[in-house]
Amino acid sequence: MKIIMLGAPGAGKGTQAIKIAEKYGIPHISTGDIFRANIKNGTELGKKAKEYMDKGALVPDELTCDLVVDRIHQDDCAKGFVLDGFPRTIPQAEALEKALAKDNEKMDYAIDIEVPDESIVKRMSGRRACVNCGATYHIVSAPPKVEGICDHCGGKLTTRDDDKPETVQKRLTVYHEQTQPLIDFYKKTGILHSVDGTKQLDEVFAEVVKILGE
């Protein structure tokens, strides 16, 4: 089962991807996590990725494609995987198709979590991230047990630069220009399914499970 999660930044596709991975026993592959790990470790890739992420811009294709393709060919992806944050552009989608085709494989599902822009701005301004482990919270829908402190490692929680309203607006503009065309791309391949991302988290997941099957 090879799944791509689509949707604007803050639509909740990462949360749904984690739930899918747990239910179906497949790896959750998030380029965001890969980038953040590199940023935290101060690698060259991390420094380059941070420059783009802080501006609310997309990380260029060449910094992501090889990384993801290498990841999906690892042993734990034998039964499938769920991609979160990749592909983000048509060239990335084409590169992924080409890489899978070499092994006579293809993606099975593209799930689009639909949420209006104004809801996303409101949502993301409430997000907090741990400076140590990268765990994310929301002051309304998923607060930490102790305000400002990470449940997992006790680190300090902050608002990431890319969650500030002005950056979110920029990210949404970039999304509509560069990533939304993927909706049409996967519609043409016949694997696109859309769900209403404004519902409660469990209701959204129930819709996703209907699509993927028990």
N, C-alpha and C. Protein backbone atom coordinates (compact mmCIF):
# COMPACT_ATOMS: atom_id res chain seq x y z
N MET A 1 0.84 -1.19 0.00
CA MET A 1 0.00 0.00 0.00
C MET A 1 0.88 1.25 0.00
N LYS A 2 0.93 1.92 -1.13
CA LYS A 2 1.78 3.10 -1.27
C LYS A 2 0.89 4.35 -1.35
N ILE A 3 1.03 5.21 -0.35
CA ILE A 3 0.10 6.32 -0.18
C ILE A 3 0.83 7.66 -0.19
N ILE A 4 0.24 8.65 -0.86
CA ILE A 4 0.73 10.02 -0.83
C ILE A 4 -0.31 10.87 -0.12
N MET A 5 0.12 11.68 0.83
CA MET A 5 -0.78 12.62 1.49
C MET A 5 -0.64 13.99 0.85
N LEU A 6 -1.77 14.56 0.43
CA LEU A 6 -1.77 15.89 -0.18
C LEU A 6 -2.59 16.84 0.69
N GLY A 7 -2.36 18.14 0.51
CA GLY A 7 -3.09 19.14 1.28
C GLY A 7 -2.17 20.29 1.60
N ALA A 8 -2.75 21.44 1.88
CA ALA A 8 -1.97 22.63 2.18
C ALA A 8 -1.21 22.46 3.49
N PRO A 9 -0.17 23.29 3.73
CA PRO A 9 0.52 23.24 5.01
C PRO A 9 -0.49 23.50 6.14
N GLY A 10 -0.50 22.65 7.15
CA GLY A 10 -1.43 22.85 8.26
C GLY A 10 -2.78 22.21 8.08
N ALA A 11 -2.98 21.49 6.97
CA ALA A 11 -4.28 20.84 6.72
C ALA A 11 -4.47 19.60 7.60
N GLY A 12 -3.37 19.11 8.19
CA GLY A 12 -3.47 17.94 9.06
C GLY A 12 -3.01 16.65 8.40
N LYS A 13 -2.36 16.77 7.25
CA LYS A 13 -1.96 15.54 6.54
C LYS A 13 -0.89 14.75 7.31
N GLY A 14 -0.03 15.47 8.06
CA GLY A 14 1.00 14.78 8.85
C GLY A 14 0.39 13.93 9.95
N THR A 15 -0.60 14.49 10.64
CA THR A 15 -1.29 13.75 11.72
C THR A 15 -1.97 12.52 11.16
N GLN A 16 -2.66 12.67 10.03
CA GLN A 16 -3.34 11.54 9.40
C GLN A 16 -2.34 10.50 8.90
N ALA A 17 -1.19 10.97 8.39
CA ALA A 17 -0.16 10.04 7.90
C ALA A 17 0.36 9.16 9.03
N ILE A 18 0.54 9.75 10.22
CA ILE A 18 1.02 8.99 11.38
C ILE A 18 -0.01 7.92 11.76
N LYS A 19 -1.29 8.30 11.76
CA LYS A 19 -2.36 7.35 12.12
C LYS A 19 -2.45 6.21 11.09
N ILE A 20 -2.28 6.56 9.82
CA ILE A 20 -2.30 5.54 8.75
C ILE A 20 -1.14 4.57 8.96
N ALA A 21 0.05 5.10 9.22
CA ALA A 21 1.24 4.27 9.41
C ALA A 21 1.03 3.29 10.57
N GLU A 22 0.44 3.78 11.66
CA GLU A 22 0.20 2.92 12.83
C GLU A 22 -0.83 1.83 12.51
N LYS A 23 -1.91 2.22 11.87
CA LYS A 23 -2.99 1.25 11.59
C LYS A 23 -2.55 0.16 10.62
N TYR A 24 -1.83 0.56 9.57
CA TYR A 24 -1.50 -0.40 8.51
C TYR A 24 -0.08 -0.98 8.62
N GLY A 25 0.68 -0.55 9.63
CA GLY A 25 2.01 -1.11 9.85
C GLY A 25 3.00 -0.81 8.74
N ILE A 26 2.94 0.42 8.23
CA ILE A 26 3.88 0.85 7.19
C ILE A 26 4.60 2.11 7.67
N PRO A 27 5.80 2.40 7.15
CA PRO A 27 6.53 3.58 7.62
C PRO A 27 5.90 4.89 7.16
N HIS A 28 5.96 5.87 8.06
CA HIS A 28 5.54 7.25 7.76
C HIS A 28 6.80 7.99 7.35
N ILE A 29 6.85 8.43 6.11
CA ILE A 29 8.05 9.11 5.60
C ILE A 29 7.75 10.59 5.42
N SER A 30 8.33 11.40 6.29
CA SER A 30 8.09 12.84 6.26
C SER A 30 9.37 13.57 5.89
N THR A 31 9.35 14.30 4.79
CA THR A 31 10.54 15.07 4.41
C THR A 31 10.79 16.15 5.46
N GLY A 32 9.72 16.65 6.07
CA GLY A 32 9.87 17.67 7.12
C GLY A 32 10.74 17.16 8.26
N ASP A 33 10.48 15.90 8.69
CA ASP A 33 11.28 15.31 9.78
C ASP A 33 12.74 15.16 9.36
N ILE A 34 12.93 14.73 8.11
CA ILE A 34 14.30 14.56 7.60
C ILE A 34 15.02 15.91 7.59
N PHE A 35 14.34 16.94 7.09
CA PHE A 35 14.95 18.28 7.06
C PHE A 35 15.25 18.79 8.47
N ARG A 36 14.27 18.64 9.39
CA ARG A 36 14.46 19.15 10.75
C ARG A 36 15.63 18.45 11.46
N ALA A 37 15.78 17.13 11.21
CA ALA A 37 16.90 16.40 11.81
C ALA A 37 18.22 16.95 11.29
N ASN A 38 18.25 17.24 10.00
CA ASN A 38 19.47 17.80 9.39
C ASN A 38 19.76 19.21 9.90
N ILE A 39 18.69 20.00 10.09
CA ILE A 39 18.84 21.36 10.61
C ILE A 39 19.40 21.30 12.03
N LYS A 40 18.82 20.43 12.85
CA LYS A 40 19.25 20.30 14.25
C LYS A 40 20.72 19.87 14.33
N ASN A 41 21.13 18.98 13.41
CA ASN A 41 22.51 18.48 13.41
C ASN A 41 23.48 19.39 12.67
N GLY A 42 22.93 20.48 12.09
CA GLY A 42 23.79 21.47 11.43
C GLY A 42 24.48 20.98 10.17
N THR A 43 23.86 20.00 9.45
CA THR A 43 24.47 19.51 8.21
C THR A 43 24.32 20.54 7.10
N GLU A 44 25.07 20.35 6.04
CA GLU A 44 24.99 21.28 4.90
C GLU A 44 23.58 21.29 4.31
N LEU A 45 22.99 20.08 4.17
CA LEU A 45 21.61 19.97 3.67
C LEU A 45 20.66 20.73 4.59
N GLY A 46 20.88 20.56 5.89
CA GLY A 46 20.04 21.24 6.88
C GLY A 46 20.11 22.75 6.76
N LYS A 47 21.33 23.28 6.58
CA LYS A 47 21.50 24.73 6.47
C LYS A 47 20.78 25.26 5.23
N LYS A 48 20.93 24.53 4.12
CA LYS A 48 20.27 24.96 2.88
C LYS A 48 18.75 24.89 3.02
N ALA A 49 18.26 23.77 3.59
CA ALA A 49 16.82 23.60 3.77
C ALA A 49 16.25 24.68 4.67
N LYS A 50 16.98 25.05 5.73
CA LYS A 50 16.51 26.05 6.69
C LYS A 50 16.32 27.42 6.03
N GLU A 51 17.23 27.76 5.12
CA GLU A 51 17.12 29.04 4.42
C GLU A 51 15.77 29.15 3.71
N TYR A 52 15.38 28.06 3.04
CA TYR A 52 14.10 28.06 2.31
C TYR A 52 12.91 28.01 3.27
N MET A 53 12.98 27.13 4.27
CA MET A 53 11.86 26.95 5.19
C MET A 53 11.56 28.22 5.99
N ASP A 54 12.61 28.93 6.40
CA ASP A 54 12.41 30.17 7.16
C ASP A 54 11.72 31.25 6.34
N LYS A 55 11.89 31.19 5.02
CA LYS A 55 11.22 32.17 4.14
C LYS A 55 9.82 31.70 3.75
N GLY A 56 9.47 30.48 4.14
CA GLY A 56 8.18 29.93 3.75
C GLY A 56 8.18 29.41 2.33
N ALA A 57 9.39 29.22 1.76
CA ALA A 57 9.50 28.72 0.38
C ALA A 57 9.70 27.21 0.39
N LEU A 58 9.46 26.59 -0.76
CA LEU A 58 9.66 25.14 -0.88
C LEU A 58 11.15 24.82 -1.02
N VAL A 59 11.57 23.71 -0.41
CA VAL A 59 12.94 23.24 -0.58
C VAL A 59 13.06 22.70 -2.00
N PRO A 60 14.11 23.08 -2.76
CA PRO A 60 14.22 22.67 -4.16
C PRO A 60 14.22 21.15 -4.36
N ASP A 61 13.75 20.75 -5.53
CA ASP A 61 13.62 19.33 -5.86
C ASP A 61 14.89 18.52 -5.62
N GLU A 62 16.04 19.08 -6.04
CA GLU A 62 17.28 18.30 -5.99
C GLU A 62 17.71 17.97 -4.55
N LEU A 63 17.20 18.74 -3.58
CA LEU A 63 17.54 18.45 -2.18
C LEU A 63 16.64 17.36 -1.59
N THR A 64 15.60 16.99 -2.31
CA THR A 64 14.63 16.05 -1.74
C THR A 64 14.48 14.74 -2.51
N CYS A 65 14.48 14.79 -3.83
CA CYS A 65 14.15 13.60 -4.64
C CYS A 65 15.01 12.37 -4.32
N ASP A 66 16.33 12.52 -4.42
CA ASP A 66 17.22 11.37 -4.18
C ASP A 66 17.05 10.81 -2.78
N LEU A 67 16.89 11.73 -1.83
CA LEU A 67 16.72 11.36 -0.42
C LEU A 67 15.49 10.46 -0.23
N VAL A 68 14.38 10.87 -0.82
CA VAL A 68 13.12 10.13 -0.66
C VAL A 68 13.17 8.79 -1.41
N VAL A 69 13.68 8.82 -2.62
CA VAL A 69 13.74 7.59 -3.41
C VAL A 69 14.61 6.54 -2.71
N ASP A 70 15.72 6.98 -2.14
CA ASP A 70 16.58 6.08 -1.39
C ASP A 70 15.82 5.50 -0.19
N ARG A 71 15.03 6.35 0.48
CA ARG A 71 14.29 5.93 1.68
C ARG A 71 13.23 4.86 1.35
N ILE A 72 12.51 5.05 0.23
CA ILE A 72 11.41 4.11 -0.07
C ILE A 72 11.91 2.76 -0.58
N HIS A 73 13.21 2.68 -0.85
CA HIS A 73 13.76 1.39 -1.27
C HIS A 73 14.38 0.62 -0.10
N GLN A 74 14.24 1.14 1.12
CA GLN A 74 14.74 0.42 2.29
C GLN A 74 13.78 -0.71 2.67
N ASP A 75 14.31 -1.69 3.40
CA ASP A 75 13.58 -2.93 3.70
C ASP A 75 12.22 -2.70 4.38
N ASP A 76 12.14 -1.70 5.26
CA ASP A 76 10.89 -1.53 6.01
C ASP A 76 9.75 -1.01 5.15
N CYS A 77 10.06 -0.66 3.88
CA CYS A 77 9.01 -0.19 2.97
C CYS A 77 8.47 -1.29 2.06
N ALA A 78 8.86 -2.53 2.35
CA ALA A 78 8.46 -3.66 1.49
C ALA A 78 6.94 -3.79 1.37
N LYS A 79 6.20 -3.51 2.46
CA LYS A 79 4.73 -3.62 2.42
C LYS A 79 4.06 -2.31 2.03
N GLY A 80 4.86 -1.28 1.80
CA GLY A 80 4.31 0.03 1.45
C GLY A 80 4.81 1.12 2.36
N PHE A 81 4.27 2.32 2.19
CA PHE A 81 4.71 3.48 2.96
C PHE A 81 3.69 4.60 2.76
N VAL A 82 3.75 5.58 3.65
CA VAL A 82 2.90 6.76 3.47
C VAL A 82 3.80 7.98 3.41
N LEU A 83 3.73 8.70 2.30
CA LEU A 83 4.57 9.88 2.08
C LEU A 83 3.85 11.14 2.55
N ASP A 84 4.55 11.94 3.34
CA ASP A 84 3.98 13.15 3.91
C ASP A 84 4.92 14.32 3.59
N GLY A 85 4.48 15.22 2.71
CA GLY A 85 5.32 16.36 2.34
C GLY A 85 6.11 16.15 1.07
N PHE A 86 5.87 15.05 0.40
CA PHE A 86 6.53 14.74 -0.87
C PHE A 86 5.61 13.82 -1.67
N PRO A 87 5.45 14.02 -2.97
CA PRO A 87 6.00 15.12 -3.77
C PRO A 87 5.24 16.43 -3.54
N ARG A 88 5.92 17.54 -3.83
CA ARG A 88 5.30 18.86 -3.69
C ARG A 88 5.16 19.57 -5.03
N THR A 89 5.81 19.04 -6.03
CA THR A 89 5.73 19.66 -7.36
C THR A 89 5.54 18.56 -8.40
N ILE A 90 5.11 18.95 -9.58
CA ILE A 90 4.93 17.98 -10.68
C ILE A 90 6.25 17.27 -11.01
N PRO A 91 7.39 18.00 -11.14
CA PRO A 91 8.65 17.30 -11.42
C PRO A 91 8.99 16.25 -10.36
N GLN A 92 8.69 16.55 -9.09
CA GLN A 92 8.94 15.56 -8.03
C GLN A 92 8.04 14.34 -8.21
N ALA A 93 6.79 14.58 -8.56
CA ALA A 93 5.83 13.49 -8.77
C ALA A 93 6.28 12.61 -9.93
N GLU A 94 6.78 13.25 -10.98
CA GLU A 94 7.25 12.50 -12.15
C GLU A 94 8.50 11.69 -11.81
N ALA A 95 9.40 12.30 -11.01
CA ALA A 95 10.62 11.59 -10.59
C ALA A 95 10.27 10.37 -9.75
N LEU A 96 9.26 10.52 -8.89
CA LEU A 96 8.82 9.40 -8.05
C LEU A 96 8.23 8.28 -8.91
N GLU A 97 7.38 8.65 -9.86
CA GLU A 97 6.77 7.64 -10.75
C GLU A 97 7.85 6.86 -11.51
N LYS A 98 8.84 7.61 -11.99
CA LYS A 98 9.93 7.00 -12.76
C LYS A 98 10.72 6.02 -11.90
N ALA A 99 11.02 6.44 -10.65
CA ALA A 99 11.79 5.59 -9.73
C ALA A 99 11.02 4.30 -9.42
N LEU A 100 9.72 4.41 -9.20
CA LEU A 100 8.90 3.23 -8.89
C LEU A 100 8.75 2.33 -10.12
N ALA A 101 8.62 2.95 -11.28
CA ALA A 101 8.43 2.18 -12.52
C ALA A 101 9.60 1.25 -12.80
N LYS A 102 10.79 1.65 -12.35
CA LYS A 102 11.98 0.79 -12.54
C LYS A 102 11.78 -0.56 -11.87
N ASP A 103 10.99 -0.59 -10.80
CA ASP A 103 10.70 -1.85 -10.10
C ASP A 103 9.29 -2.36 -10.42
N ASN A 104 8.72 -1.87 -11.53
CA ASN A 104 7.35 -2.23 -11.92
C ASN A 104 6.33 -1.94 -10.81
N GLU A 105 6.53 -0.81 -10.13
CA GLU A 105 5.62 -0.42 -9.05
C GLU A 105 5.02 0.95 -9.36
N LYS A 106 3.94 1.27 -8.63
CA LYS A 106 3.34 2.60 -8.75
C LYS A 106 2.62 2.95 -7.45
N MET A 107 2.28 4.23 -7.29
CA MET A 107 1.54 4.65 -6.11
C MET A 107 0.12 4.10 -6.19
N ASP A 108 -0.48 3.82 -5.01
CA ASP A 108 -1.83 3.27 -4.96
C ASP A 108 -2.89 4.31 -4.64
N TYR A 109 -2.56 5.23 -3.74
CA TYR A 109 -3.54 6.25 -3.30
C TYR A 109 -2.87 7.61 -3.15
N ALA A 110 -3.60 8.65 -3.54
CA ALA A 110 -3.22 10.04 -3.22
C ALA A 110 -4.42 10.62 -2.47
N ILE A 111 -4.22 10.94 -1.19
CA ILE A 111 -5.33 11.43 -0.36
C ILE A 111 -5.16 12.91 -0.09
N ASP A 112 -6.13 13.69 -0.54
CA ASP A 112 -6.09 15.14 -0.40
C ASP A 112 -6.94 15.58 0.80
N ILE A 113 -6.30 16.19 1.80
CA ILE A 113 -7.02 16.70 2.97
C ILE A 113 -7.39 18.16 2.68
N GLU A 114 -8.66 18.41 2.46
CA GLU A 114 -9.11 19.75 2.04
C GLU A 114 -9.48 20.64 3.23
N VAL A 115 -8.83 21.81 3.33
CA VAL A 115 -9.12 22.79 4.39
C VAL A 115 -8.97 24.20 3.80
N PRO A 116 -9.95 25.10 4.03
CA PRO A 116 -9.84 26.47 3.51
C PRO A 116 -8.65 27.23 4.11
N ASP A 117 -8.09 28.16 3.35
CA ASP A 117 -6.91 28.92 3.78
C ASP A 117 -7.10 29.61 5.14
N GLU A 118 -8.26 30.27 5.33
CA GLU A 118 -8.45 31.03 6.58
C GLU A 118 -8.42 30.12 7.81
N SER A 119 -8.92 28.89 7.66
CA SER A 119 -8.88 27.92 8.76
C SER A 119 -7.44 27.51 9.06
N ILE A 120 -6.64 27.40 8.01
CA ILE A 120 -5.24 26.99 8.17
C ILE A 120 -4.43 28.04 8.92
N VAL A 121 -4.62 29.32 8.57
CA VAL A 121 -3.89 30.41 9.25
C VAL A 121 -4.21 30.38 10.74
N LYS A 122 -5.50 30.21 11.06
CA LYS A 122 -5.94 30.17 12.46
C LYS A 122 -5.31 28.95 13.18
N ARG A 123 -5.34 27.83 12.50
CA ARG A 123 -4.81 26.58 13.05
C ARG A 123 -3.31 26.68 13.36
N MET A 124 -2.56 27.16 12.38
CA MET A 124 -1.11 27.12 12.49
C MET A 124 -0.55 28.13 13.47
N SER A 125 -1.27 29.23 13.67
CA SER A 125 -0.78 30.22 14.64
C SER A 125 -0.84 29.66 16.06
N GLY A 126 -1.61 28.57 16.25
CA GLY A 126 -1.70 27.93 17.57
C GLY A 126 -0.72 26.77 17.75
N ARG A 127 0.07 26.48 16.71
CA ARG A 127 1.00 25.35 16.81
C ARG A 127 2.25 25.72 17.61
N ARG A 128 2.77 24.75 18.35
CA ARG A 128 4.02 24.92 19.08
C ARG A 128 4.90 23.70 18.82
N ALA A 129 6.20 23.92 18.75
CA ALA A 129 7.14 22.81 18.50
C ALA A 129 8.23 22.79 19.56
N CYS A 130 8.67 21.59 19.89
CA CYS A 130 9.74 21.43 20.88
C CYS A 130 11.09 21.75 20.23
N VAL A 131 11.89 22.58 20.91
CA VAL A 131 13.20 22.96 20.36
C VAL A 131 14.18 21.79 20.37
N ASN A 132 13.91 20.78 21.23
CA ASN A 132 14.83 19.64 21.34
C ASN A 132 14.47 18.50 20.40
N CYS A 133 13.24 17.95 20.55
CA CYS A 133 12.90 16.72 19.80
C CYS A 133 12.01 16.97 18.59
N GLY A 134 11.48 18.20 18.44
CA GLY A 134 10.66 18.51 17.26
C GLY A 134 9.20 18.11 17.38
N ALA A 135 8.80 17.55 18.54
CA ALA A 135 7.38 17.16 18.74
C ALA A 135 6.50 18.41 18.60
N THR A 136 5.31 18.24 18.00
CA THR A 136 4.44 19.40 17.79
C THR A 136 3.15 19.29 18.61
N TYR A 137 2.65 20.44 18.99
CA TYR A 137 1.43 20.55 19.80
C TYR A 137 0.56 21.66 19.22
N HIS A 138 -0.66 21.77 19.73
CA HIS A 138 -1.53 22.89 19.38
C HIS A 138 -2.19 23.38 20.67
N ILE A 139 -2.16 24.69 20.89
CA ILE A 139 -2.63 25.22 22.17
C ILE A 139 -4.12 24.96 22.41
N VAL A 140 -4.88 24.69 21.33
CA VAL A 140 -6.31 24.39 21.49
C VAL A 140 -6.60 22.89 21.34
N SER A 141 -6.18 22.32 20.21
CA SER A 141 -6.60 20.94 19.90
C SER A 141 -5.68 19.85 20.46
N ALA A 142 -4.41 20.16 20.71
CA ALA A 142 -3.49 19.13 21.24
C ALA A 142 -2.46 19.79 22.15
N PRO A 143 -2.92 20.36 23.28
CA PRO A 143 -1.98 21.07 24.16
C PRO A 143 -1.06 20.13 24.93
N PRO A 144 0.13 20.61 25.32
CA PRO A 144 1.00 19.79 26.17
C PRO A 144 0.39 19.71 27.57
N LYS A 145 0.85 18.74 28.37
CA LYS A 145 0.33 18.60 29.74
C LYS A 145 0.67 19.83 30.58
N VAL A 146 1.89 20.35 30.37
CA VAL A 146 2.32 21.57 31.07
C VAL A 146 2.58 22.63 30.00
N GLU A 147 1.95 23.80 30.16
CA GLU A 147 2.07 24.85 29.14
C GLU A 147 3.53 25.21 28.87
N GLY A 148 3.89 25.20 27.57
CA GLY A 148 5.24 25.59 27.16
C GLY A 148 6.31 24.54 27.32
N ILE A 149 5.92 23.34 27.80
CA ILE A 149 6.90 22.27 28.04
C ILE A 149 6.52 21.00 27.26
N CYS A 150 7.50 20.39 26.59
CA CYS A 150 7.27 19.17 25.81
C CYS A 150 6.98 17.98 26.72
N ASP A 151 5.91 17.24 26.40
CA ASP A 151 5.54 16.02 27.16
C ASP A 151 6.64 14.96 27.07
N HIS A 152 7.31 14.90 25.90
CA HIS A 152 8.25 13.80 25.64
C HIS A 152 9.61 13.98 26.29
N CYS A 153 10.18 15.20 26.15
CA CYS A 153 11.56 15.37 26.62
C CYS A 153 11.75 16.54 27.58
N GLY A 154 10.67 17.28 27.86
CA GLY A 154 10.78 18.41 28.80
C GLY A 154 11.38 19.66 28.19
N GLY A 155 11.57 19.63 26.86
CA GLY A 155 12.14 20.80 26.17
C GLY A 155 11.15 21.96 26.10
N LYS A 156 11.68 23.12 25.73
CA LYS A 156 10.86 24.33 25.63
C LYS A 156 10.08 24.32 24.32
N LEU A 157 8.80 24.75 24.37
CA LEU A 157 7.99 24.82 23.16
C LEU A 157 8.00 26.25 22.62
N THR A 158 8.15 26.37 21.30
CA THR A 158 8.16 27.69 20.66
C THR A 158 7.28 27.67 19.41
N THR A 159 6.97 28.87 18.90
CA THR A 159 6.30 28.98 17.61
C THR A 159 7.38 28.97 16.54
N ARG A 160 7.34 27.98 15.66
CA ARG A 160 8.33 27.94 14.58
C ARG A 160 8.14 29.12 13.65
N ASP A 161 9.24 29.57 13.05
CA ASP A 161 9.16 30.69 12.11
C ASP A 161 8.15 30.41 11.00
N ASP A 162 8.09 29.14 10.56
CA ASP A 162 7.19 28.84 9.44
C ASP A 162 5.74 28.66 9.87
N ASP A 163 5.43 28.86 11.19
CA ASP A 163 4.04 28.84 11.66
C ASP A 163 3.50 30.24 11.95
N LYS A 164 4.35 31.26 11.80
CA LYS A 164 3.88 32.64 12.03
C LYS A 164 2.93 33.04 10.91
N PRO A 165 1.84 33.81 11.24
CA PRO A 165 0.81 34.12 10.24
C PRO A 165 1.32 34.64 8.89
N GLU A 166 2.31 35.56 8.93
CA GLU A 166 2.80 36.11 7.65
C GLU A 166 3.52 35.05 6.82
N THR A 167 4.23 34.13 7.51
CA THR A 167 4.93 33.06 6.79
C THR A 167 3.92 32.02 6.28
N VAL A 168 2.90 31.74 7.09
CA VAL A 168 1.86 30.79 6.67
C VAL A 168 1.20 31.28 5.39
N GLN A 169 0.90 32.57 5.34
CA GLN A 169 0.26 33.15 4.15
C GLN A 169 1.14 32.95 2.92
N LYS A 170 2.45 33.17 3.11
CA LYS A 170 3.40 32.96 2.00
C LYS A 170 3.42 31.50 1.58
N ARG A 171 3.43 30.62 2.58
CA ARG A 171 3.47 29.18 2.28
C ARG A 171 2.22 28.74 1.52
N LEU A 172 1.08 29.33 1.88
CA LEU A 172 -0.16 28.99 1.18
C LEU A 172 -0.12 29.46 -0.27
N THR A 173 0.46 30.65 -0.49
CA THR A 173 0.59 31.18 -1.85
C THR A 173 1.45 30.24 -2.68
N VAL A 174 2.58 29.83 -2.09
CA VAL A 174 3.50 28.90 -2.77
C VAL A 174 2.78 27.57 -3.05
N TYR A 175 2.02 27.09 -2.06
CA TYR A 175 1.28 25.83 -2.22
C TYR A 175 0.32 25.90 -3.40
N HIS A 176 -0.48 26.98 -3.46
CA HIS A 176 -1.47 27.09 -4.54
C HIS A 176 -0.81 27.18 -5.92
N GLU A 177 0.37 27.80 -5.96
CA GLU A 177 1.06 27.95 -7.25
C GLU A 177 1.76 26.66 -7.68
N GLN A 178 2.44 26.01 -6.72
CA GLN A 178 3.34 24.92 -7.10
C GLN A 178 2.85 23.52 -6.75
N THR A 179 2.10 23.40 -5.66
CA THR A 179 1.73 22.06 -5.19
C THR A 179 0.32 21.66 -5.60
N GLN A 180 -0.60 22.61 -5.62
CA GLN A 180 -1.99 22.26 -5.95
C GLN A 180 -2.14 21.58 -7.32
N PRO A 181 -1.28 21.90 -8.31
CA PRO A 181 -1.38 21.16 -9.59
C PRO A 181 -1.26 19.65 -9.44
N LEU A 182 -0.69 19.19 -8.30
CA LEU A 182 -0.61 17.74 -8.07
C LEU A 182 -1.99 17.10 -7.95
N ILE A 183 -2.97 17.90 -7.50
CA ILE A 183 -4.34 17.39 -7.39
C ILE A 183 -4.80 16.89 -8.77
N ASP A 184 -4.59 17.73 -9.78
CA ASP A 184 -4.98 17.36 -11.15
C ASP A 184 -4.12 16.20 -11.67
N PHE A 185 -2.83 16.24 -11.31
CA PHE A 185 -1.91 15.18 -11.75
C PHE A 185 -2.39 13.81 -11.28
N TYR A 186 -2.76 13.70 -10.00
CA TYR A 186 -3.19 12.41 -9.46
C TYR A 186 -4.64 12.08 -9.80
N LYS A 187 -5.42 13.11 -10.12
CA LYS A 187 -6.79 12.87 -10.59
C LYS A 187 -6.72 12.13 -11.93
N LYS A 188 -5.78 12.57 -12.77
CA LYS A 188 -5.62 11.95 -14.10
C LYS A 188 -5.16 10.49 -13.99
N THR A 189 -4.36 10.19 -12.95
CA THR A 189 -3.88 8.81 -12.80
C THR A 189 -4.95 7.92 -12.16
N GLY A 190 -6.02 8.54 -11.65
CA GLY A 190 -7.13 7.77 -11.09
C GLY A 190 -6.95 7.33 -9.65
N ILE A 191 -5.94 7.88 -8.95
CA ILE A 191 -5.71 7.43 -7.56
C ILE A 191 -6.08 8.50 -6.53
N LEU A 192 -6.61 9.64 -6.98
CA LEU A 192 -6.91 10.74 -6.05
C LEU A 192 -8.22 10.51 -5.29
N HIS A 193 -8.17 10.76 -3.96
CA HIS A 193 -9.37 10.73 -3.11
C HIS A 193 -9.31 11.96 -2.21
N SER A 194 -10.42 12.69 -2.08
CA SER A 194 -10.45 13.89 -1.24
C SER A 194 -11.28 13.67 0.01
N VAL A 195 -10.80 14.23 1.14
CA VAL A 195 -11.57 14.17 2.39
C VAL A 195 -11.67 15.57 3.00
N ASP A 196 -12.71 15.79 3.77
CA ASP A 196 -12.95 17.09 4.40
C ASP A 196 -12.10 17.22 5.66
N GLY A 197 -11.05 18.05 5.58
CA GLY A 197 -10.11 18.19 6.69
C GLY A 197 -10.57 19.14 7.78
N THR A 198 -11.77 19.74 7.64
CA THR A 198 -12.26 20.65 8.68
C THR A 198 -12.97 19.88 9.81
N LYS A 199 -13.23 18.60 9.58
CA LYS A 199 -13.90 17.79 10.62
C LYS A 199 -12.93 17.45 11.75
N GLN A 200 -13.48 16.85 12.82
CA GLN A 200 -12.63 16.40 13.93
C GLN A 200 -11.64 15.36 13.41
N LEU A 201 -10.48 15.31 14.06
CA LEU A 201 -9.38 14.44 13.63
C LEU A 201 -9.83 13.00 13.40
N ASP A 202 -10.58 12.43 14.36
CA ASP A 202 -11.02 11.04 14.23
C ASP A 202 -12.01 10.83 13.09
N GLU A 203 -12.83 11.87 12.84
CA GLU A 203 -13.80 11.78 11.73
C GLU A 203 -13.06 11.78 10.39
N VAL A 204 -12.01 12.61 10.31
CA VAL A 204 -11.20 12.66 9.08
C VAL A 204 -10.56 11.29 8.87
N PHE A 205 -10.00 10.72 9.95
CA PHE A 205 -9.34 9.42 9.83
C PHE A 205 -10.33 8.32 9.42
N ALA A 206 -11.54 8.39 9.94
CA ALA A 206 -12.57 7.40 9.57
C ALA A 206 -12.83 7.46 8.06
N GLU A 207 -12.84 8.68 7.51
CA GLU A 207 -13.04 8.84 6.05
C GLU A 207 -11.87 8.23 5.29
N VAL A 208 -10.65 8.44 5.81
CA VAL A 208 -9.45 7.90 5.17
C VAL A 208 -9.49 6.37 5.16
N VAL A 209 -9.89 5.78 6.29
CA VAL A 209 -9.96 4.31 6.41
C VAL A 209 -10.99 3.74 5.43
N LYS A 210 -12.08 4.48 5.24
CA LYS A 210 -13.09 4.03 4.24
C LYS A 210 -12.47 3.89 2.87
N ILE A 211 -11.56 4.83 2.55
CA ILE A 211 -10.91 4.82 1.24
C ILE A 211 -9.90 3.67 1.15
N LEU A 212 -9.09 3.50 2.20
CA LEU A 212 -8.01 2.51 2.16
C LEU A 212 -8.48 1.09 2.47
N GLY A 213 -9.61 0.98 3.19
CA GLY A 213 -10.13 -0.33 3.58
C GLY A 213 -9.56 -0.76 4.93
N GLU A 214 -10.30 -1.64 5.59
CA GLU A 214 -9.88 -2.12 6.91
C GLU A 214 -8.68 -3.06 6.78
